[in-house]
Amino acid sequence: MSLYDDAVLVLKGYEDQPGLRDAYQAHLAAHPDGIWRSCDAGHLTASALVIDPEHGRVLLTLHRKLRMWLQMGGHCEPGDISMAGAALREATEESGIAGLTLLPGGPVRLDRHPIPAPCNWHLDVQYAVLAPRGAEQAISDESLDLRWFGYDEVAEVADESVVRLMEATRARL
């Protein structure tokens, strides 16, 4: 199965946010290259919130270009075979934490946000990953900083999309 086919199946099985889900599905139907950054009409991305429920915290990255505290994530790559795998790869690369595991149940949320031309839109498929006990993060080249925040601190440092992702993740736990 191709990454495109996986994305179609993931969205078909996603039951929340029907308006946004339908927009993602329409985008893929109109753009067979809609999972790749080369698609000027926008493209799917995969992200994951790293969560440590035992200590009531999430790991956020201070994005180098955007200078915002965000979950880990980014573009799909040719070696990715699933959206969940792409999200897990991104979370592992950007957090430096080995042994992350996907929270069962598929994507936690969808979030569409504008980006500078030529791509125009990121259609983010958002997952959550559980940090293993004793996880130690290591900053990547894509980040200015990497830090754990208590659940109650996230709204003070991150935008509403990250807060909504954290709340949806906690509800799923």
N, C-alpha and C. Protein backbone atom coordinates (compact mmCIF):
# COMPACT_ATOMS: atom_id res chain seq x y z
N MET A 1 0.84 -1.18 0.00
CA MET A 1 0.00 0.00 0.00
C MET A 1 0.89 1.25 0.00
N SER A 2 0.52 2.23 -0.75
CA SER A 2 1.29 3.48 -0.82
C SER A 2 0.92 4.40 0.34
N LEU A 3 1.76 5.39 0.58
CA LEU A 3 1.46 6.37 1.61
C LEU A 3 0.17 7.12 1.27
N TYR A 4 -0.04 7.43 0.00
CA TYR A 4 -1.27 8.09 -0.43
C TYR A 4 -2.48 7.23 -0.05
N ASP A 5 -2.42 5.92 -0.38
CA ASP A 5 -3.53 5.01 -0.06
C ASP A 5 -3.77 4.94 1.44
N ASP A 6 -2.67 4.91 2.22
CA ASP A 6 -2.81 4.90 3.67
C ASP A 6 -3.51 6.17 4.15
N ALA A 7 -3.11 7.32 3.62
CA ALA A 7 -3.73 8.59 4.02
C ALA A 7 -5.23 8.58 3.73
N VAL A 8 -5.61 8.08 2.57
CA VAL A 8 -7.03 7.99 2.22
C VAL A 8 -7.77 7.11 3.23
N LEU A 9 -7.19 5.95 3.56
CA LEU A 9 -7.84 5.05 4.52
C LEU A 9 -7.90 5.64 5.92
N VAL A 10 -6.84 6.30 6.34
CA VAL A 10 -6.82 6.93 7.66
C VAL A 10 -7.94 7.96 7.76
N LEU A 11 -8.06 8.79 6.74
CA LEU A 11 -9.09 9.82 6.77
C LEU A 11 -10.50 9.22 6.69
N LYS A 12 -10.63 8.17 5.91
CA LYS A 12 -11.94 7.50 5.81
C LYS A 12 -12.38 6.96 7.16
N GLY A 13 -11.43 6.47 7.95
CA GLY A 13 -11.75 5.90 9.25
C GLY A 13 -11.81 6.90 10.39
N TYR A 14 -11.43 8.15 10.12
CA TYR A 14 -11.42 9.17 11.16
C TYR A 14 -12.83 9.74 11.30
N GLU A 15 -13.40 9.64 12.50
CA GLU A 15 -14.80 9.98 12.68
C GLU A 15 -15.05 11.38 13.22
N ASP A 16 -14.03 12.04 13.74
CA ASP A 16 -14.21 13.37 14.30
C ASP A 16 -14.01 14.44 13.22
N GLN A 17 -14.34 15.67 13.56
CA GLN A 17 -14.13 16.82 12.69
C GLN A 17 -14.56 16.55 11.23
N PRO A 18 -15.83 16.20 11.01
CA PRO A 18 -16.27 15.79 9.68
C PRO A 18 -16.02 16.82 8.58
N GLY A 19 -16.19 18.11 8.87
CA GLY A 19 -15.96 19.13 7.84
C GLY A 19 -14.51 19.17 7.40
N LEU A 20 -13.61 19.16 8.35
CA LEU A 20 -12.19 19.19 8.02
C LEU A 20 -11.76 17.87 7.39
N ARG A 21 -12.25 16.76 7.91
CA ARG A 21 -11.93 15.45 7.31
C ARG A 21 -12.37 15.42 5.84
N ASP A 22 -13.56 15.92 5.56
CA ASP A 22 -14.05 15.93 4.18
C ASP A 22 -13.19 16.82 3.30
N ALA A 23 -12.72 17.94 3.84
CA ALA A 23 -11.84 18.84 3.08
C ALA A 23 -10.51 18.15 2.77
N TYR A 24 -9.97 17.41 3.71
CA TYR A 24 -8.73 16.66 3.47
C TYR A 24 -8.96 15.61 2.39
N GLN A 25 -10.07 14.90 2.48
CA GLN A 25 -10.38 13.87 1.49
C GLN A 25 -10.55 14.48 0.09
N ALA A 26 -11.22 15.61 0.01
CA ALA A 26 -11.40 16.29 -1.28
C ALA A 26 -10.05 16.75 -1.83
N HIS A 27 -9.19 17.23 -0.95
CA HIS A 27 -7.85 17.66 -1.37
C HIS A 27 -7.09 16.49 -1.99
N LEU A 28 -7.10 15.35 -1.32
CA LEU A 28 -6.39 14.19 -1.86
C LEU A 28 -7.01 13.71 -3.17
N ALA A 29 -8.33 13.75 -3.27
CA ALA A 29 -8.99 13.32 -4.51
C ALA A 29 -8.61 14.23 -5.67
N ALA A 30 -8.44 15.51 -5.40
CA ALA A 30 -8.09 16.47 -6.45
C ALA A 30 -6.58 16.54 -6.73
N HIS A 31 -5.78 16.06 -5.77
CA HIS A 31 -4.32 16.19 -5.89
C HIS A 31 -3.64 14.87 -5.53
N PRO A 32 -3.37 14.03 -6.51
CA PRO A 32 -2.69 12.77 -6.23
C PRO A 32 -1.32 12.95 -5.57
N ASP A 33 -0.77 14.15 -5.69
CA ASP A 33 0.52 14.45 -5.03
C ASP A 33 0.30 15.21 -3.72
N GLY A 34 -0.91 15.18 -3.18
CA GLY A 34 -1.29 15.98 -2.02
C GLY A 34 -0.64 15.60 -0.70
N ILE A 35 0.18 14.57 -0.69
CA ILE A 35 0.92 14.23 0.53
C ILE A 35 2.35 14.75 0.48
N TRP A 36 2.75 15.33 -0.63
CA TRP A 36 4.14 15.76 -0.80
C TRP A 36 4.27 17.27 -0.76
N ARG A 37 5.35 17.76 -0.22
CA ARG A 37 5.57 19.21 -0.09
C ARG A 37 5.61 19.91 -1.45
N SER A 38 5.82 19.18 -2.51
CA SER A 38 5.85 19.77 -3.85
C SER A 38 4.46 20.17 -4.35
N CYS A 39 3.40 19.77 -3.67
CA CYS A 39 2.03 20.12 -4.08
C CYS A 39 1.74 21.56 -3.67
N ASP A 40 1.70 22.46 -4.65
CA ASP A 40 1.50 23.88 -4.38
C ASP A 40 0.14 24.22 -3.78
N ALA A 41 -0.84 23.34 -3.94
CA ALA A 41 -2.17 23.59 -3.38
C ALA A 41 -2.23 23.27 -1.89
N GLY A 42 -1.14 22.78 -1.35
CA GLY A 42 -1.08 22.36 0.05
C GLY A 42 -0.80 20.88 0.11
N HIS A 43 -0.42 20.40 1.29
CA HIS A 43 -0.08 18.98 1.41
C HIS A 43 -0.29 18.50 2.84
N LEU A 44 -0.50 17.20 2.96
CA LEU A 44 -0.64 16.60 4.27
C LEU A 44 0.71 16.58 4.97
N THR A 45 0.68 16.78 6.27
CA THR A 45 1.84 16.62 7.12
C THR A 45 1.43 15.68 8.26
N ALA A 46 2.43 15.18 8.97
CA ALA A 46 2.17 14.27 10.07
C ALA A 46 2.87 14.79 11.31
N SER A 47 2.13 14.87 12.40
CA SER A 47 2.74 15.35 13.65
C SER A 47 2.30 14.48 14.81
N ALA A 48 3.01 14.63 15.92
CA ALA A 48 2.66 13.85 17.11
C ALA A 48 3.01 14.65 18.36
N LEU A 49 2.09 14.64 19.29
CA LEU A 49 2.33 15.22 20.59
C LEU A 49 2.98 14.15 21.46
N VAL A 50 4.16 14.46 21.99
CA VAL A 50 4.85 13.55 22.91
C VAL A 50 4.30 13.80 24.31
N ILE A 51 3.75 12.76 24.91
CA ILE A 51 3.10 12.91 26.20
C ILE A 51 3.67 11.93 27.22
N ASP A 52 3.77 12.39 28.43
CA ASP A 52 4.23 11.59 29.57
C ASP A 52 3.13 11.66 30.62
N PRO A 53 2.11 10.78 30.51
CA PRO A 53 0.98 10.84 31.42
C PRO A 53 1.36 10.60 32.88
N GLU A 54 2.39 9.82 33.11
CA GLU A 54 2.81 9.53 34.48
C GLU A 54 3.19 10.79 35.24
N HIS A 55 3.79 11.75 34.52
CA HIS A 55 4.21 13.01 35.15
C HIS A 55 3.34 14.20 34.74
N GLY A 56 2.27 13.95 33.98
CA GLY A 56 1.34 15.02 33.61
C GLY A 56 1.97 16.11 32.78
N ARG A 57 2.70 15.70 31.72
CA ARG A 57 3.42 16.70 30.92
C ARG A 57 3.51 16.29 29.46
N VAL A 58 3.80 17.29 28.64
CA VAL A 58 4.02 17.08 27.20
C VAL A 58 5.34 17.74 26.81
N LEU A 59 5.96 17.18 25.77
CA LEU A 59 7.22 17.72 25.27
C LEU A 59 6.92 18.56 24.04
N LEU A 60 7.34 19.83 24.07
CA LEU A 60 7.14 20.72 22.93
C LEU A 60 8.49 21.19 22.40
N THR A 61 8.50 21.52 21.13
CA THR A 61 9.70 22.02 20.49
C THR A 61 9.49 23.50 20.13
N LEU A 62 10.51 24.30 20.36
CA LEU A 62 10.49 25.68 19.91
C LEU A 62 11.01 25.67 18.48
N HIS A 63 10.08 25.73 17.54
CA HIS A 63 10.39 25.57 16.12
C HIS A 63 11.36 26.64 15.65
N ARG A 64 12.40 26.20 14.97
CA ARG A 64 13.46 27.12 14.55
C ARG A 64 12.94 28.22 13.63
N LYS A 65 12.13 27.89 12.64
CA LYS A 65 11.65 28.90 11.68
C LYS A 65 10.47 29.70 12.21
N LEU A 66 9.53 29.03 12.83
CA LEU A 66 8.30 29.70 13.28
C LEU A 66 8.44 30.38 14.63
N ARG A 67 9.43 29.96 15.40
CA ARG A 67 9.66 30.49 16.75
C ARG A 67 8.40 30.40 17.61
N MET A 68 7.78 29.22 17.54
CA MET A 68 6.59 28.91 18.32
C MET A 68 6.79 27.54 18.97
N TRP A 69 6.18 27.36 20.15
CA TRP A 69 6.19 26.06 20.80
C TRP A 69 5.13 25.18 20.14
N LEU A 70 5.56 24.05 19.59
CA LEU A 70 4.68 23.17 18.84
C LEU A 70 4.95 21.71 19.19
N GLN A 71 4.03 20.83 18.75
CA GLN A 71 4.28 19.40 18.82
C GLN A 71 5.31 19.05 17.74
N MET A 72 5.86 17.86 17.81
CA MET A 72 6.82 17.41 16.81
C MET A 72 6.06 17.09 15.53
N GLY A 73 6.68 17.32 14.38
CA GLY A 73 6.02 16.94 13.14
C GLY A 73 6.62 17.59 11.93
N GLY A 74 6.11 17.17 10.78
CA GLY A 74 6.60 17.74 9.55
C GLY A 74 6.15 16.99 8.31
N HIS A 75 6.93 17.13 7.28
CA HIS A 75 6.59 16.60 5.96
C HIS A 75 6.76 15.09 5.88
N CYS A 76 5.92 14.50 5.06
CA CYS A 76 6.06 13.08 4.74
C CYS A 76 7.30 12.92 3.85
N GLU A 77 7.94 11.78 3.98
CA GLU A 77 9.14 11.49 3.20
C GLU A 77 8.92 10.24 2.37
N PRO A 78 9.68 10.09 1.27
CA PRO A 78 9.48 8.93 0.38
C PRO A 78 9.55 7.58 1.08
N GLY A 79 10.31 7.44 2.14
CA GLY A 79 10.41 6.17 2.85
C GLY A 79 9.25 5.88 3.78
N ASP A 80 8.37 6.85 4.01
CA ASP A 80 7.23 6.64 4.90
C ASP A 80 6.21 5.74 4.22
N ILE A 81 5.68 4.79 5.00
CA ILE A 81 4.66 3.89 4.44
C ILE A 81 3.28 4.12 5.04
N SER A 82 3.23 4.93 6.10
CA SER A 82 1.93 5.24 6.71
C SER A 82 2.00 6.62 7.36
N MET A 83 0.84 7.23 7.52
CA MET A 83 0.79 8.53 8.19
C MET A 83 1.22 8.38 9.64
N ALA A 84 0.78 7.31 10.29
CA ALA A 84 1.18 7.07 11.69
C ALA A 84 2.69 6.88 11.78
N GLY A 85 3.25 6.16 10.84
CA GLY A 85 4.70 5.95 10.82
C GLY A 85 5.45 7.25 10.60
N ALA A 86 4.92 8.10 9.74
CA ALA A 86 5.56 9.40 9.50
C ALA A 86 5.52 10.26 10.76
N ALA A 87 4.40 10.24 11.47
CA ALA A 87 4.29 11.00 12.72
C ALA A 87 5.25 10.47 13.77
N LEU A 88 5.35 9.16 13.88
CA LEU A 88 6.27 8.55 14.84
C LEU A 88 7.72 8.86 14.48
N ARG A 89 8.05 8.80 13.20
CA ARG A 89 9.41 9.14 12.74
C ARG A 89 9.74 10.58 13.10
N GLU A 90 8.84 11.50 12.80
CA GLU A 90 9.07 12.91 13.10
C GLU A 90 9.24 13.13 14.60
N ALA A 91 8.39 12.50 15.40
CA ALA A 91 8.47 12.67 16.86
C ALA A 91 9.80 12.14 17.39
N THR A 92 10.23 11.01 16.87
CA THR A 92 11.50 10.42 17.30
C THR A 92 12.68 11.30 16.89
N GLU A 93 12.68 11.75 15.63
CA GLU A 93 13.77 12.60 15.14
C GLU A 93 13.86 13.91 15.92
N GLU A 94 12.73 14.55 16.13
CA GLU A 94 12.74 15.88 16.72
C GLU A 94 12.87 15.87 18.24
N SER A 95 12.48 14.79 18.88
CA SER A 95 12.59 14.71 20.34
C SER A 95 13.90 14.05 20.78
N GLY A 96 14.46 13.22 19.91
CA GLY A 96 15.64 12.46 20.29
C GLY A 96 15.34 11.31 21.23
N ILE A 97 14.06 11.01 21.43
CA ILE A 97 13.67 9.96 22.37
C ILE A 97 13.42 8.65 21.61
N ALA A 98 14.18 7.62 21.99
CA ALA A 98 13.96 6.28 21.44
C ALA A 98 12.84 5.61 22.22
N GLY A 99 12.10 4.74 21.56
CA GLY A 99 11.08 3.96 22.25
C GLY A 99 9.73 4.63 22.40
N LEU A 100 9.47 5.69 21.65
CA LEU A 100 8.13 6.29 21.66
C LEU A 100 7.15 5.28 21.09
N THR A 101 5.93 5.29 21.60
CA THR A 101 4.89 4.41 21.06
C THR A 101 3.64 5.22 20.74
N LEU A 102 3.03 4.89 19.63
CA LEU A 102 1.81 5.59 19.22
C LEU A 102 0.67 5.30 20.19
N LEU A 103 -0.07 6.32 20.52
CA LEU A 103 -1.30 6.14 21.28
C LEU A 103 -2.30 5.46 20.34
N PRO A 104 -2.90 4.33 20.76
CA PRO A 104 -3.82 3.61 19.87
C PRO A 104 -5.02 4.46 19.46
N GLY A 105 -5.61 4.08 18.34
CA GLY A 105 -6.84 4.71 17.91
C GLY A 105 -6.71 5.64 16.72
N GLY A 106 -5.52 5.72 16.12
CA GLY A 106 -5.35 6.56 14.94
C GLY A 106 -5.14 8.02 15.31
N PRO A 107 -5.38 8.92 14.34
CA PRO A 107 -5.14 10.34 14.60
C PRO A 107 -6.00 10.85 15.75
N VAL A 108 -5.44 11.81 16.47
CA VAL A 108 -6.16 12.44 17.58
C VAL A 108 -6.95 13.63 17.07
N ARG A 109 -6.37 14.38 16.13
CA ARG A 109 -7.02 15.57 15.57
C ARG A 109 -6.49 15.82 14.16
N LEU A 110 -7.18 16.74 13.49
CA LEU A 110 -6.71 17.32 12.23
C LEU A 110 -6.58 18.81 12.45
N ASP A 111 -5.60 19.42 11.79
CA ASP A 111 -5.43 20.87 11.91
C ASP A 111 -4.89 21.41 10.58
N ARG A 112 -5.66 22.30 9.96
CA ARG A 112 -5.23 22.92 8.71
C ARG A 112 -4.79 24.35 9.02
N HIS A 113 -3.57 24.69 8.57
CA HIS A 113 -3.06 26.03 8.84
C HIS A 113 -2.29 26.55 7.65
N PRO A 114 -2.37 27.87 7.41
CA PRO A 114 -1.67 28.47 6.27
C PRO A 114 -0.16 28.49 6.51
N ILE A 115 0.58 28.38 5.42
CA ILE A 115 2.03 28.50 5.44
C ILE A 115 2.44 29.38 4.27
N PRO A 116 3.65 29.90 4.27
CA PRO A 116 4.07 30.77 3.18
C PRO A 116 4.06 30.05 1.82
N ALA A 117 3.83 30.82 0.76
CA ALA A 117 3.87 30.29 -0.60
C ALA A 117 5.25 29.69 -0.86
N PRO A 118 5.37 28.74 -1.72
CA PRO A 118 4.38 28.33 -2.71
C PRO A 118 3.39 27.28 -2.23
N CYS A 119 3.58 26.69 -1.08
CA CYS A 119 2.74 25.55 -0.67
C CYS A 119 1.37 25.96 -0.16
N ASN A 120 1.28 27.08 0.53
CA ASN A 120 0.03 27.68 0.99
C ASN A 120 -0.64 27.03 2.20
N TRP A 121 -0.73 25.69 2.26
CA TRP A 121 -1.45 25.04 3.36
C TRP A 121 -0.75 23.78 3.84
N HIS A 122 -0.74 23.59 5.15
CA HIS A 122 -0.41 22.30 5.76
C HIS A 122 -1.72 21.70 6.24
N LEU A 123 -1.98 20.49 5.85
CA LEU A 123 -3.14 19.74 6.32
C LEU A 123 -2.58 18.68 7.26
N ASP A 124 -2.49 19.03 8.53
CA ASP A 124 -1.78 18.21 9.50
C ASP A 124 -2.66 17.11 10.05
N VAL A 125 -2.13 15.89 10.01
CA VAL A 125 -2.78 14.73 10.62
C VAL A 125 -2.02 14.50 11.93
N GLN A 126 -2.71 14.73 13.05
CA GLN A 126 -2.05 14.79 14.35
C GLN A 126 -2.30 13.53 15.18
N TYR A 127 -1.21 12.94 15.63
CA TYR A 127 -1.22 11.76 16.47
C TYR A 127 -0.68 12.13 17.85
N ALA A 128 -0.64 11.16 18.74
CA ALA A 128 0.01 11.32 20.03
C ALA A 128 0.90 10.11 20.25
N VAL A 129 2.04 10.34 20.89
CA VAL A 129 2.95 9.25 21.22
C VAL A 129 3.27 9.30 22.70
N LEU A 130 3.41 8.13 23.28
CA LEU A 130 3.72 8.01 24.69
C LEU A 130 5.23 7.90 24.87
N ALA A 131 5.75 8.71 25.77
CA ALA A 131 7.18 8.66 26.09
C ALA A 131 7.42 7.49 27.04
N PRO A 132 8.51 6.76 26.84
CA PRO A 132 8.83 5.68 27.76
C PRO A 132 9.29 6.23 29.11
N ARG A 133 9.19 5.42 30.12
CA ARG A 133 9.65 5.81 31.46
C ARG A 133 11.11 6.23 31.39
N GLY A 134 11.44 7.35 32.02
CA GLY A 134 12.82 7.83 32.06
C GLY A 134 13.30 8.45 30.76
N ALA A 135 12.38 8.82 29.87
CA ALA A 135 12.76 9.38 28.57
C ALA A 135 13.61 10.63 28.74
N GLU A 136 14.66 10.70 27.94
CA GLU A 136 15.52 11.89 27.92
C GLU A 136 15.53 12.44 26.50
N GLN A 137 15.15 13.68 26.38
CA GLN A 137 15.08 14.31 25.07
C GLN A 137 16.46 14.83 24.64
N ALA A 138 16.61 15.01 23.32
CA ALA A 138 17.84 15.59 22.76
C ALA A 138 17.42 16.51 21.63
N ILE A 139 17.81 17.74 21.71
CA ILE A 139 17.40 18.76 20.74
C ILE A 139 17.95 18.44 19.35
N SER A 140 17.12 18.70 18.33
CA SER A 140 17.53 18.47 16.94
C SER A 140 17.86 19.80 16.27
N ASP A 141 18.36 19.72 15.05
CA ASP A 141 18.69 20.92 14.29
C ASP A 141 17.46 21.75 13.93
N GLU A 142 16.28 21.15 14.01
CA GLU A 142 15.05 21.85 13.64
C GLU A 142 14.49 22.70 14.76
N SER A 143 15.09 22.59 15.95
CA SER A 143 14.54 23.26 17.12
C SER A 143 15.51 24.27 17.71
N LEU A 144 14.95 25.30 18.29
CA LEU A 144 15.73 26.22 19.10
C LEU A 144 15.79 25.74 20.54
N ASP A 145 14.75 25.01 20.96
CA ASP A 145 14.69 24.49 22.32
C ASP A 145 13.72 23.32 22.33
N LEU A 146 13.79 22.53 23.37
CA LEU A 146 12.94 21.37 23.54
C LEU A 146 12.69 21.29 25.04
N ARG A 147 11.40 21.28 25.43
CA ARG A 147 11.12 21.37 26.86
C ARG A 147 9.81 20.67 27.23
N TRP A 148 9.81 20.06 28.43
CA TRP A 148 8.61 19.46 28.99
C TRP A 148 7.78 20.56 29.65
N PHE A 149 6.47 20.52 29.41
CA PHE A 149 5.53 21.45 30.04
C PHE A 149 4.43 20.66 30.71
N GLY A 150 4.08 21.05 31.94
CA GLY A 150 2.93 20.47 32.61
C GLY A 150 1.67 20.80 31.82
N TYR A 151 0.68 19.95 31.94
CA TYR A 151 -0.57 20.17 31.21
C TYR A 151 -1.10 21.58 31.40
N ASP A 152 -1.02 22.09 32.62
CA ASP A 152 -1.57 23.41 32.91
C ASP A 152 -0.69 24.55 32.39
N GLU A 153 0.49 24.27 31.91
CA GLU A 153 1.38 25.30 31.39
C GLU A 153 1.28 25.49 29.87
N VAL A 154 0.71 24.52 29.19
CA VAL A 154 0.72 24.54 27.72
C VAL A 154 0.02 25.78 27.15
N ALA A 155 -1.12 26.15 27.70
CA ALA A 155 -1.86 27.31 27.19
C ALA A 155 -1.07 28.62 27.34
N GLU A 156 -0.12 28.64 28.27
CA GLU A 156 0.69 29.84 28.48
C GLU A 156 1.78 30.02 27.42
N VAL A 157 2.17 28.92 26.76
CA VAL A 157 3.30 29.00 25.83
C VAL A 157 2.94 28.66 24.38
N ALA A 158 1.87 27.92 24.18
CA ALA A 158 1.54 27.43 22.84
C ALA A 158 0.21 28.01 22.36
N ASP A 159 -0.03 27.89 21.06
CA ASP A 159 -1.28 28.40 20.51
C ASP A 159 -2.43 27.41 20.72
N GLU A 160 -3.61 27.82 20.30
CA GLU A 160 -4.82 27.02 20.52
C GLU A 160 -4.76 25.65 19.86
N SER A 161 -4.09 25.53 18.72
CA SER A 161 -4.04 24.23 18.05
C SER A 161 -3.31 23.20 18.91
N VAL A 162 -2.26 23.61 19.59
CA VAL A 162 -1.52 22.70 20.47
C VAL A 162 -2.34 22.39 21.71
N VAL A 163 -3.03 23.38 22.25
CA VAL A 163 -3.89 23.16 23.41
C VAL A 163 -5.00 22.17 23.06
N ARG A 164 -5.63 22.33 21.90
CA ARG A 164 -6.69 21.41 21.48
C ARG A 164 -6.15 20.00 21.30
N LEU A 165 -4.95 19.87 20.73
CA LEU A 165 -4.34 18.56 20.55
C LEU A 165 -4.05 17.92 21.91
N MET A 166 -3.54 18.69 22.84
CA MET A 166 -3.26 18.15 24.17
C MET A 166 -4.56 17.70 24.86
N GLU A 167 -5.60 18.52 24.77
CA GLU A 167 -6.87 18.17 25.40
C GLU A 167 -7.47 16.92 24.78
N ALA A 168 -7.42 16.80 23.46
CA ALA A 168 -7.95 15.61 22.79
C ALA A 168 -7.13 14.37 23.15
N THR A 169 -5.83 14.55 23.29
CA THR A 169 -4.97 13.43 23.67
C THR A 169 -5.29 12.98 25.09
N ARG A 170 -5.43 13.91 25.99
CA ARG A 170 -5.74 13.57 27.38
C ARG A 170 -7.12 12.88 27.47
N ALA A 171 -8.07 13.32 26.66
CA ALA A 171 -9.39 12.70 26.67
C ALA A 171 -9.30 11.25 26.18
N ARG A 172 -8.41 11.00 25.24
CA ARG A 172 -8.26 9.64 24.72
C ARG A 172 -7.56 8.73 25.73
N LEU A 173 -6.68 9.30 26.54
CA LEU A 173 -5.99 8.48 27.55
C LEU A 173 -7.00 7.92 28.52
